[in-house]
Amino acid sequence: MSYYGGAMVYSVMVVLAIFCIMLQRHSLLGILLGFEVFSLVLFYIFVGVFGAMQKSVGLSLVFLCLEVCVMSVCLGLMVKLVGVSGSDYVGACSLSDNF
């Protein structure tokens, strides 16, 4: 694939990931899944651009490990939100006095 074709594919993937996040503004689970898609797109771009280098493998594994840690913390916060307010609707945070 040529350089411009690859850049076009990466650009479309980033735009679709951002579009996925913007459509799920009201559901916290949808937002978290959108950010996960965005991080996987960034990982794909990183591997695609620096794929010929051997040191990129270690950096990409560190990136994926950090991404798993961030998503587990976010999932824990979402479980707490659902336990307190009863739904994952983002606007429910302002309606609940217990959170």
PDB file of N, CA and C in Angstrom:
ATOM      1  N   MET A   1       0.843  -1.166   0.000  1.00  0.00           N
ATOM      2  CA  MET A   1       0.000   0.000   0.000  1.00  0.00           C
ATOM      3  C   MET A   1       0.892   1.233   0.000  1.00  0.00           C
ATOM      4  N   SER A   2       0.530   2.175  -0.810  1.00  0.00           N
ATOM      5  CA  SER A   2       1.330   3.391  -0.891  1.00  0.00           C
ATOM      6  C   SER A   2       1.165   4.218   0.381  1.00  0.00           C
ATOM      7  N   TYR A   3       2.033   5.204   0.500  1.00  0.00           N
ATOM      8  CA  TYR A   3       2.008   6.054   1.694  1.00  0.00           C
ATOM      9  C   TYR A   3       0.689   6.809   1.810  1.00  0.00           C
ATOM     10  N   TYR A   4       0.209   7.365   0.699  1.00  0.00           N
ATOM     11  CA  TYR A   4      -1.021   8.151   0.743  1.00  0.00           C
ATOM     12  C   TYR A   4      -2.245   7.275   0.968  1.00  0.00           C
ATOM     13  N   GLY A   5      -2.224   6.064   0.436  1.00  0.00           N
ATOM     14  CA  GLY A   5      -3.324   5.137   0.683  1.00  0.00           C
ATOM     15  C   GLY A   5      -3.388   4.725   2.141  1.00  0.00           C
ATOM     16  N   GLY A   6      -2.223   4.485   2.742  1.00  0.00           N
ATOM     17  CA  GLY A   6      -2.179   4.139   4.160  1.00  0.00           C
ATOM     18  C   GLY A   6      -2.605   5.291   5.040  1.00  0.00           C
ATOM     19  N   ALA A   7      -2.177   6.499   4.684  1.00  0.00           N
ATOM     20  CA  ALA A   7      -2.574   7.679   5.458  1.00  0.00           C
ATOM     21  C   ALA A   7      -4.077   7.904   5.360  1.00  0.00           C
ATOM     22  N   MET A   8      -4.650   7.613   4.202  1.00  0.00           N
ATOM     23  CA  MET A   8      -6.093   7.775   4.038  1.00  0.00           C
ATOM     24  C   MET A   8      -6.850   6.765   4.900  1.00  0.00           C
ATOM     25  N   VAL A   9      -6.377   5.529   4.928  1.00  0.00           N
ATOM     26  CA  VAL A   9      -7.016   4.503   5.759  1.00  0.00           C
ATOM     27  C   VAL A   9      -6.931   4.889   7.230  1.00  0.00           C
ATOM     28  N   TYR A  10      -5.766   5.348   7.678  1.00  0.00           N
ATOM     29  CA  TYR A  10      -5.597   5.755   9.074  1.00  0.00           C
ATOM     30  C   TYR A  10      -6.502   6.939   9.405  1.00  0.00           C
ATOM     31  N   SER A  11      -6.613   7.884   8.488  1.00  0.00           N
ATOM     32  CA  SER A  11      -7.465   9.054   8.719  1.00  0.00           C
ATOM     33  C   SER A  11      -8.931   8.657   8.836  1.00  0.00           C
ATOM     34  N   VAL A  12      -9.372   7.763   7.973  1.00  0.00           N
ATOM     35  CA  VAL A  12     -10.758   7.301   8.025  1.00  0.00           C
ATOM     36  C   VAL A  12     -11.017   6.560   9.332  1.00  0.00           C
ATOM     37  N   MET A  13     -10.066   5.747   9.774  1.00  0.00           N
ATOM     38  CA  MET A  13     -10.244   5.018  11.026  1.00  0.00           C
ATOM     39  C   MET A  13     -10.332   5.966  12.217  1.00  0.00           C
ATOM     40  N   VAL A  14      -9.512   7.005  12.245  1.00  0.00           N
ATOM     41  CA  VAL A  14      -9.554   7.976  13.347  1.00  0.00           C
ATOM     42  C   VAL A  14     -10.873   8.735  13.334  1.00  0.00           C
ATOM     43  N   VAL A  15     -11.328   9.147  12.159  1.00  0.00           N
ATOM     44  CA  VAL A  15     -12.596   9.874  12.060  1.00  0.00           C
ATOM     45  C   VAL A  15     -13.755   8.990  12.501  1.00  0.00           C
ATOM     46  N   LEU A  16     -13.764   7.727  12.110  1.00  0.00           N
ATOM     47  CA  LEU A  16     -14.830   6.819  12.530  1.00  0.00           C
ATOM     48  C   LEU A  16     -14.807   6.574  14.032  1.00  0.00           C
ATOM     49  N   ALA A  17     -13.621   6.481  14.617  1.00  0.00           N
ATOM     50  CA  ALA A  17     -13.528   6.292  16.068  1.00  0.00           C
ATOM     51  C   ALA A  17     -14.054   7.513  16.810  1.00  0.00           C
ATOM     52  N   ILE A  18     -13.705   8.704  16.347  1.00  0.00           N
ATOM     53  CA  ILE A  18     -14.206   9.926  16.983  1.00  0.00           C
ATOM     54  C   ILE A  18     -15.716  10.048  16.782  1.00  0.00           C
ATOM     55  N   PHE A  19     -16.200   9.672  15.611  1.00  0.00           N
ATOM     56  CA  PHE A  19     -17.631   9.697  15.335  1.00  0.00           C
ATOM     57  C   PHE A  19     -18.373   8.726  16.247  1.00  0.00           C
ATOM     58  N   CYS A  20     -17.770   7.570  16.515  1.00  0.00           N
ATOM     59  CA  CYS A  20     -18.356   6.582  17.426  1.00  0.00           C
ATOM     60  C   CYS A  20     -18.478   7.150  18.837  1.00  0.00           C
ATOM     61  N   ILE A  21     -17.473   7.893  19.282  1.00  0.00           N
ATOM     62  CA  ILE A  21     -17.514   8.509  20.613  1.00  0.00           C
ATOM     63  C   ILE A  21     -18.582   9.601  20.659  1.00  0.00           C
ATOM     64  N   MET A  22     -18.666  10.397  19.610  1.00  0.00           N
ATOM     65  CA  MET A  22     -19.609  11.514  19.611  1.00  0.00           C
ATOM     66  C   MET A  22     -21.064  11.052  19.563  1.00  0.00           C
ATOM     67  N   LEU A  23     -21.341   9.911  18.953  1.00  0.00           N
ATOM     68  CA  LEU A  23     -22.710   9.414  18.897  1.00  0.00           C
ATOM     69  C   LEU A  23     -23.174   8.830  20.225  1.00  0.00           C
ATOM     70  N   GLN A  24     -22.262   8.418  21.077  1.00  0.00           N
ATOM     71  CA  GLN A  24     -22.613   7.783  22.347  1.00  0.00           C
ATOM     72  C   GLN A  24     -22.420   8.751  23.513  1.00  0.00           C
ATOM     73  N   ARG A  25     -22.936   9.943  23.407  1.00  0.00           N
ATOM     74  CA  ARG A  25     -22.699  10.955  24.437  1.00  0.00           C
ATOM     75  C   ARG A  25     -23.448  10.682  25.729  1.00  0.00           C
ATOM     76  N   HIS A  26     -24.534   9.941  25.693  1.00  0.00           N
ATOM     77  CA  HIS A  26     -25.377   9.807  26.872  1.00  0.00           C
ATOM     78  C   HIS A  26     -25.123   8.527  27.657  1.00  0.00           C
ATOM     79  N   SER A  27     -24.531   7.547  27.065  1.00  0.00           N
ATOM     80  CA  SER A  27     -24.274   6.280  27.745  1.00  0.00           C
ATOM     81  C   SER A  27     -22.789   6.169  28.073  1.00  0.00           C
ATOM     82  N   LEU A  28     -22.487   5.969  29.349  1.00  0.00           N
ATOM     83  CA  LEU A  28     -21.093   5.885  29.766  1.00  0.00           C
ATOM     84  C   LEU A  28     -20.413   4.653  29.177  1.00  0.00           C
ATOM     85  N   LEU A  29     -21.132   3.542  29.078  1.00  0.00           N
ATOM     86  CA  LEU A  29     -20.549   2.344  28.478  1.00  0.00           C
ATOM     87  C   LEU A  29     -20.224   2.583  27.008  1.00  0.00           C
ATOM     88  N   GLY A  30     -21.092   3.271  26.298  1.00  0.00           N
ATOM     89  CA  GLY A  30     -20.823   3.598  24.900  1.00  0.00           C
ATOM     90  C   GLY A  30     -19.616   4.495  24.737  1.00  0.00           C
ATOM     91  N   ILE A  31     -19.462   5.457  25.647  1.00  0.00           N
ATOM     92  CA  ILE A  31     -18.298   6.340  25.599  1.00  0.00           C
ATOM     93  C   ILE A  31     -17.023   5.551  25.856  1.00  0.00           C
ATOM     94  N   LEU A  32     -17.053   4.668  26.849  1.00  0.00           N
ATOM     95  CA  LEU A  32     -15.866   3.860  27.154  1.00  0.00           C
ATOM     96  C   LEU A  32     -15.505   2.937  25.998  1.00  0.00           C
ATOM     97  N   LEU A  33     -16.511   2.345  25.365  1.00  0.00           N
ATOM     98  CA  LEU A  33     -16.236   1.493  24.207  1.00  0.00           C
ATOM     99  C   LEU A  33     -15.704   2.310  23.037  1.00  0.00           C
ATOM    100  N   GLY A  34     -16.190   3.529  22.883  1.00  0.00           N
ATOM    101  CA  GLY A  34     -15.662   4.410  21.842  1.00  0.00           C
ATOM    102  C   GLY A  34     -14.206   4.755  22.074  1.00  0.00           C
ATOM    103  N   PHE A  35     -13.850   5.035  23.331  1.00  0.00           N
ATOM    104  CA  PHE A  35     -12.444   5.307  23.639  1.00  0.00           C
ATOM    105  C   PHE A  35     -11.578   4.065  23.435  1.00  0.00           C
ATOM    106  N   GLU A  36     -12.143   2.893  23.688  1.00  0.00           N
ATOM    107  CA  GLU A  36     -11.390   1.659  23.440  1.00  0.00           C
ATOM    108  C   GLU A  36     -11.140   1.481  21.942  1.00  0.00           C
ATOM    109  N   VAL A  37     -12.140   1.762  21.131  1.00  0.00           N
ATOM    110  CA  VAL A  37     -11.964   1.697  19.677  1.00  0.00           C
ATOM    111  C   VAL A  37     -10.914   2.700  19.228  1.00  0.00           C
ATOM    112  N   PHE A  38     -10.960   3.915  19.789  1.00  0.00           N
ATOM    113  CA  PHE A  38      -9.985   4.945  19.432  1.00  0.00           C
ATOM    114  C   PHE A  38      -8.571   4.516  19.814  1.00  0.00           C
ATOM    115  N   SER A  39      -8.410   3.912  20.982  1.00  0.00           N
ATOM    116  CA  SER A  39      -7.069   3.471  21.387  1.00  0.00           C
ATOM    117  C   SER A  39      -6.576   2.312  20.520  1.00  0.00           C
ATOM    118  N   LEU A  40      -7.476   1.427  20.102  1.00  0.00           N
ATOM    119  CA  LEU A  40      -7.059   0.345  19.205  1.00  0.00           C
ATOM    120  C   LEU A  40      -6.680   0.880  17.830  1.00  0.00           C
ATOM    121  N   VAL A  41      -7.362   1.930  17.384  1.00  0.00           N
ATOM    122  CA  VAL A  41      -6.979   2.577  16.124  1.00  0.00           C
ATOM    123  C   VAL A  41      -5.598   3.202  16.256  1.00  0.00           C
ATOM    124  N   LEU A  42      -5.340   3.874  17.388  1.00  0.00           N
ATOM    125  CA  LEU A  42      -4.008   4.437  17.615  1.00  0.00           C
ATOM    126  C   LEU A  42      -2.945   3.342  17.654  1.00  0.00           C
ATOM    127  N   PHE A  43      -3.268   2.213  18.264  1.00  0.00           N
ATOM    128  CA  PHE A  43      -2.335   1.087  18.299  1.00  0.00           C
ATOM    129  C   PHE A  43      -2.064   0.569  16.887  1.00  0.00           C
ATOM    130  N   TYR A  44      -3.109   0.458  16.079  1.00  0.00           N
ATOM    131  CA  TYR A  44      -2.957  -0.009  14.707  1.00  0.00           C
ATOM    132  C   TYR A  44      -2.092   0.952  13.898  1.00  0.00           C
ATOM    133  N   ILE A  45      -2.298   2.246  14.093  1.00  0.00           N
ATOM    134  CA  ILE A  45      -1.480   3.242  13.398  1.00  0.00           C
ATOM    135  C   ILE A  45      -0.034   3.143  13.852  1.00  0.00           C
ATOM    136  N   PHE A  46       0.177   2.985  15.149  1.00  0.00           N
ATOM    137  CA  PHE A  46       1.532   2.881  15.691  1.00  0.00           C
ATOM    138  C   PHE A  46       2.261   1.675  15.110  1.00  0.00           C
ATOM    139  N   VAL A  47       1.582   0.539  15.064  1.00  0.00           N
ATOM    140  CA  VAL A  47       2.206  -0.665  14.508  1.00  0.00           C
ATOM    141  C   VAL A  47       2.409  -0.512  13.007  1.00  0.00           C
ATOM    142  N   GLY A  48       1.462   0.125  12.317  1.00  0.00           N
ATOM    143  CA  GLY A  48       1.603   0.315  10.881  1.00  0.00           C
ATOM    144  C   GLY A  48       2.739   1.240  10.502  1.00  0.00           C
ATOM    145  N   VAL A  49       2.935   2.287  11.285  1.00  0.00           N
ATOM    146  CA  VAL A  49       3.983   3.256  10.966  1.00  0.00           C
ATOM    147  C   VAL A  49       5.353   2.744  11.389  1.00  0.00           C
ATOM    148  N   PHE A  50       5.434   2.198  12.597  1.00  0.00           N
ATOM    149  CA  PHE A  50       6.723   1.761  13.129  1.00  0.00           C
ATOM    150  C   PHE A  50       6.864   0.239  13.124  1.00  0.00           C
ATOM    151  N   GLY A  51       6.162  -0.446  12.233  1.00  0.00           N
ATOM    152  CA  GLY A  51       6.152  -1.905  12.226  1.00  0.00           C
ATOM    153  C   GLY A  51       7.471  -2.546  11.875  1.00  0.00           C
ATOM    154  N   ALA A  52       8.317  -1.870  11.125  1.00  0.00           N
ATOM    155  CA  ALA A  52       9.590  -2.459  10.708  1.00  0.00           C
ATOM    156  C   ALA A  52      10.625  -2.449  11.827  1.00  0.00           C
ATOM    157  N   MET A  53      10.408  -1.640  12.840  1.00  0.00           N
ATOM    158  CA  MET A  53      11.376  -1.540  13.933  1.00  0.00           C
ATOM    159  C   MET A  53      11.066  -2.594  14.994  1.00  0.00           C
ATOM    160  N   GLN A  54      12.091  -3.173  15.586  1.00  0.00           N
ATOM    161  CA  GLN A  54      11.891  -4.194  16.607  1.00  0.00           C
ATOM    162  C   GLN A  54      11.533  -3.592  17.963  1.00  0.00           C
ATOM    163  N   LYS A  55      11.974  -2.374  18.237  1.00  0.00           N
ATOM    164  CA  LYS A  55      11.699  -1.774  19.534  1.00  0.00           C
ATOM    165  C   LYS A  55      10.244  -1.347  19.671  1.00  0.00           C
ATOM    166  N   SER A  56       9.546  -1.222  18.570  1.00  0.00           N
ATOM    167  CA  SER A  56       8.142  -0.814  18.649  1.00  0.00           C
ATOM    168  C   SER A  56       7.268  -1.895  19.264  1.00  0.00           C
ATOM    169  N   VAL A  57       7.718  -3.145  19.223  1.00  0.00           N
ATOM    170  CA  VAL A  57       6.931  -4.232  19.801  1.00  0.00           C
ATOM    171  C   VAL A  57       6.810  -4.044  21.308  1.00  0.00           C
ATOM    172  N   GLY A  58       7.916  -3.727  21.966  1.00  0.00           N
ATOM    173  CA  GLY A  58       7.878  -3.498  23.406  1.00  0.00           C
ATOM    174  C   GLY A  58       7.038  -2.296  23.774  1.00  0.00           C
ATOM    175  N   LEU A  59       7.170  -1.218  23.012  1.00  0.00           N
ATOM    176  CA  LEU A  59       6.371  -0.026  23.285  1.00  0.00           C
ATOM    177  C   LEU A  59       4.886  -0.277  23.057  1.00  0.00           C
ATOM    178  N   SER A  60       4.567  -1.057  22.045  1.00  0.00           N
ATOM    179  CA  SER A  60       3.161  -1.336  21.788  1.00  0.00           C
ATOM    180  C   SER A  60       2.561  -2.217  22.876  1.00  0.00           C
ATOM    181  N   LEU A  61       3.339  -3.143  23.422  1.00  0.00           N
ATOM    182  CA  LEU A  61       2.837  -3.961  24.528  1.00  0.00           C
ATOM    183  C   LEU A  61       2.632  -3.126  25.787  1.00  0.00           C
ATOM    184  N   VAL A  62       3.525  -2.185  26.041  1.00  0.00           N
ATOM    185  CA  VAL A  62       3.344  -1.276  27.180  1.00  0.00           C
ATOM    186  C   VAL A  62       2.092  -0.428  26.976  1.00  0.00           C
ATOM    187  N   PHE A  63       1.878   0.049  25.757  1.00  0.00           N
ATOM    188  CA  PHE A  63       0.688   0.842  25.452  1.00  0.00           C
ATOM    189  C   PHE A  63      -0.580   0.031  25.694  1.00  0.00           C
ATOM    190  N   LEU A  64      -0.597  -1.221  25.244  1.00  0.00           N
ATOM    191  CA  LEU A  64      -1.783  -2.055  25.445  1.00  0.00           C
ATOM    192  C   LEU A  64      -2.012  -2.363  26.917  1.00  0.00           C
ATOM    193  N   CYS A  65      -0.941  -2.592  27.678  1.00  0.00           N
ATOM    194  CA  CYS A  65      -1.085  -2.847  29.119  1.00  0.00           C
ATOM    195  C   CYS A  65      -1.646  -1.627  29.838  1.00  0.00           C
ATOM    196  N   LEU A  66      -1.145  -0.447  29.505  1.00  0.00           N
ATOM    197  CA  LEU A  66      -1.681   0.772  30.112  1.00  0.00           C
ATOM    198  C   LEU A  66      -3.135   0.993  29.714  1.00  0.00           C
ATOM    199  N   GLU A  67      -3.471   0.658  28.492  1.00  0.00           N
ATOM    200  CA  GLU A  67      -4.847   0.806  28.034  1.00  0.00           C
ATOM    201  C   GLU A  67      -5.782  -0.125  28.800  1.00  0.00           C
ATOM    202  N   VAL A  68      -5.341  -1.334  29.070  1.00  0.00           N
ATOM    203  CA  VAL A  68      -6.149  -2.272  29.851  1.00  0.00           C
ATOM    204  C   VAL A  68      -6.342  -1.748  31.270  1.00  0.00           C
ATOM    205  N   CYS A  69      -5.296  -1.181  31.860  1.00  0.00           N
ATOM    206  CA  CYS A  69      -5.409  -0.616  33.213  1.00  0.00           C
ATOM    207  C   CYS A  69      -6.396   0.545  33.253  1.00  0.00           C
ATOM    208  N   VAL A  70      -6.312   1.423  32.281  1.00  0.00           N
ATOM    209  CA  VAL A  70      -7.221   2.576  32.241  1.00  0.00           C
ATOM    210  C   VAL A  70      -8.661   2.115  32.061  1.00  0.00           C
ATOM    211  N   MET A  71      -8.888   1.169  31.172  1.00  0.00           N
ATOM    212  CA  MET A  71     -10.253   0.709  30.939  1.00  0.00           C
ATOM    213  C   MET A  71     -10.808  -0.050  32.139  1.00  0.00           C
ATOM    214  N   SER A  72      -9.964  -0.759  32.887  1.00  0.00           N
ATOM    215  CA  SER A  72     -10.467  -1.451  34.077  1.00  0.00           C
ATOM    216  C   SER A  72     -10.869  -0.451  35.157  1.00  0.00           C
ATOM    217  N   VAL A  73     -10.113   0.630  35.316  1.00  0.00           N
ATOM    218  CA  VAL A  73     -10.494   1.676  36.273  1.00  0.00           C
ATOM    219  C   VAL A  73     -11.791   2.346  35.831  1.00  0.00           C
ATOM    220  N   CYS A  74     -11.914   2.632  34.556  1.00  0.00           N
ATOM    221  CA  CYS A  74     -13.143   3.252  34.047  1.00  0.00           C
ATOM    222  C   CYS A  74     -14.341   2.321  34.203  1.00  0.00           C
ATOM    223  N   LEU A  75     -14.137   1.041  33.995  1.00  0.00           N
ATOM    224  CA  LEU A  75     -15.225   0.086  34.175  1.00  0.00           C
ATOM    225  C   LEU A  75     -15.640   0.006  35.641  1.00  0.00           C
ATOM    226  N   GLY A  76     -14.665   0.067  36.555  1.00  0.00           N
ATOM    227  CA  GLY A  76     -14.991   0.097  37.981  1.00  0.00           C
ATOM    228  C   GLY A  76     -15.794   1.333  38.356  1.00  0.00           C
ATOM    229  N   LEU A  77     -15.423   2.484  37.794  1.00  0.00           N
ATOM    230  CA  LEU A  77     -16.194   3.702  38.044  1.00  0.00           C
ATOM    231  C   LEU A  77     -17.603   3.601  37.474  1.00  0.00           C
ATOM    232  N   MET A  78     -17.738   2.952  36.321  1.00  0.00           N
ATOM    233  CA  MET A  78     -19.059   2.794  35.740  1.00  0.00           C
ATOM    234  C   MET A  78     -19.924   1.874  36.591  1.00  0.00           C
ATOM    235  N   VAL A  79     -19.333   0.811  37.145  1.00  0.00           N
ATOM    236  CA  VAL A  79     -20.083  -0.090  38.019  1.00  0.00           C
ATOM    237  C   VAL A  79     -20.551   0.661  39.262  1.00  0.00           C
ATOM    238  N   LYS A  80     -19.688   1.520  39.814  1.00  0.00           N
ATOM    239  CA  LYS A  80     -20.074   2.339  40.968  1.00  0.00           C
ATOM    240  C   LYS A  80     -21.217   3.282  40.601  1.00  0.00           C
ATOM    241  N   LEU A  81     -21.144   3.892  39.427  1.00  0.00           N
ATOM    242  CA  LEU A  81     -22.200   4.798  38.976  1.00  0.00           C
ATOM    243  C   LEU A  81     -23.515   4.063  38.803  1.00  0.00           C
ATOM    244  N   VAL A  82     -23.479   2.878  38.215  1.00  0.00           N
ATOM    245  CA  VAL A  82     -24.702   2.104  38.012  1.00  0.00           C
ATOM    246  C   VAL A  82     -25.264   1.658  39.355  1.00  0.00           C
ATOM    247  N   GLY A  83     -24.382   1.302  40.294  1.00  0.00           N
ATOM    248  CA  GLY A  83     -24.850   0.901  41.619  1.00  0.00           C
ATOM    249  C   GLY A  83     -25.515   2.038  42.378  1.00  0.00           C
ATOM    250  N   VAL A  84     -25.027   3.253  42.203  1.00  0.00           N
ATOM    251  CA  VAL A  84     -25.578   4.397  42.932  1.00  0.00           C
ATOM    252  C   VAL A  84     -26.829   4.943  42.252  1.00  0.00           C
ATOM    253  N   SER A  85     -26.749   5.148  40.953  1.00  0.00           N
ATOM    254  CA  SER A  85     -27.856   5.827  40.273  1.00  0.00           C
ATOM    255  C   SER A  85     -28.829   4.871  39.595  1.00  0.00           C
ATOM    256  N   GLY A  86     -28.418   3.660  39.306  1.00  0.00           N
ATOM    257  CA  GLY A  86     -29.314   2.696  38.689  1.00  0.00           C
ATOM    258  C   GLY A  86     -29.232   2.637  37.176  1.00  0.00           C
ATOM    259  N   SER A  87     -28.438   3.502  36.554  1.00  0.00           N
ATOM    260  CA  SER A  87     -28.278   3.455  35.103  1.00  0.00           C
ATOM    261  C   SER A  87     -26.915   4.013  34.736  1.00  0.00           C
ATOM    262  N   ASP A  88     -26.522   3.800  33.482  1.00  0.00           N
ATOM    263  CA  ASP A  88     -25.243   4.343  33.025  1.00  0.00           C
ATOM    264  C   ASP A  88     -25.440   5.621  32.215  1.00  0.00           C
ATOM    265  N   TYR A  89     -26.604   6.216  32.346  1.00  0.00           N
ATOM    266  CA  TYR A  89     -26.883   7.485  31.670  1.00  0.00           C
ATOM    267  C   TYR A  89     -26.018   8.574  32.295  1.00  0.00           C
ATOM    268  N   VAL A  90     -25.300   9.320  31.470  1.00  0.00           N
ATOM    269  CA  VAL A  90     -24.337  10.296  31.970  1.00  0.00           C
ATOM    270  C   VAL A  90     -25.031  11.414  32.740  1.00  0.00           C
ATOM    271  N   GLY A  91     -26.211  11.807  32.355  1.00  0.00           N
ATOM    272  CA  GLY A  91     -26.938  12.861  33.045  1.00  0.00           C
ATOM    273  C   GLY A  91     -27.450  12.448  34.413  1.00  0.00           C
ATOM    274  N   ALA A  92     -27.420  11.152  34.731  1.00  0.00           N
ATOM    275  CA  ALA A  92     -27.899  10.678  36.027  1.00  0.00           C
ATOM    276  C   ALA A  92     -26.973  11.081  37.160  1.00  0.00           C
ATOM    277  N   CYS A  93     -25.731  11.439  36.866  1.00  0.00           N
ATOM    278  CA  CYS A  93     -24.791  11.854  37.918  1.00  0.00           C
ATOM    279  C   CYS A  93     -25.272  13.120  38.604  1.00  0.00           C
ATOM    280  N   SER A  94     -25.826  14.036  37.849  1.00  0.00           N
ATOM    281  CA  SER A  94     -26.277  15.291  38.439  1.00  0.00           C
ATOM    282  C   SER A  94     -27.602  15.120  39.174  1.00  0.00           C
ATOM    283  N   LEU A  95     -28.356  14.071  38.867  1.00  0.00           N
ATOM    284  CA  LEU A  95     -29.635  13.850  39.525  1.00  0.00           C
ATOM    285  C   LEU A  95     -29.492  13.115  40.844  1.00  0.00           C
ATOM    286  N   SER A  96     -28.391  12.424  41.040  1.00  0.00           N
ATOM    287  CA  SER A  96     -28.199  11.616  42.233  1.00  0.00           C
ATOM    288  C   SER A  96     -27.428  12.400  43.288  1.00  0.00           C
ATOM    289  N   ASP A  97     -27.913  12.381  44.520  1.00  0.00           N
ATOM    290  CA  ASP A  97     -27.222  13.045  45.619  1.00  0.00           C
ATOM    291  C   ASP A  97     -26.215  12.124  46.294  1.00  0.00           C
ATOM    292  N   ASN A  98     -26.288  10.830  46.041  1.00  0.00           N
ATOM    293  CA  ASN A  98     -25.434   9.866  46.731  1.00  0.00           C
ATOM    294  C   ASN A  98     -24.073   9.686  46.091  1.00  0.00           C
ATOM    295  N   PHE A  99     -23.886  10.187  44.899  1.00  0.00           N
ATOM    296  CA  PHE A  99     -22.635   9.917  44.185  1.00  0.00           C
ATOM    297  C   PHE A  99     -21.573  10.894  44.556  1.00  0.00           C
TER     298      PHE A  99
END
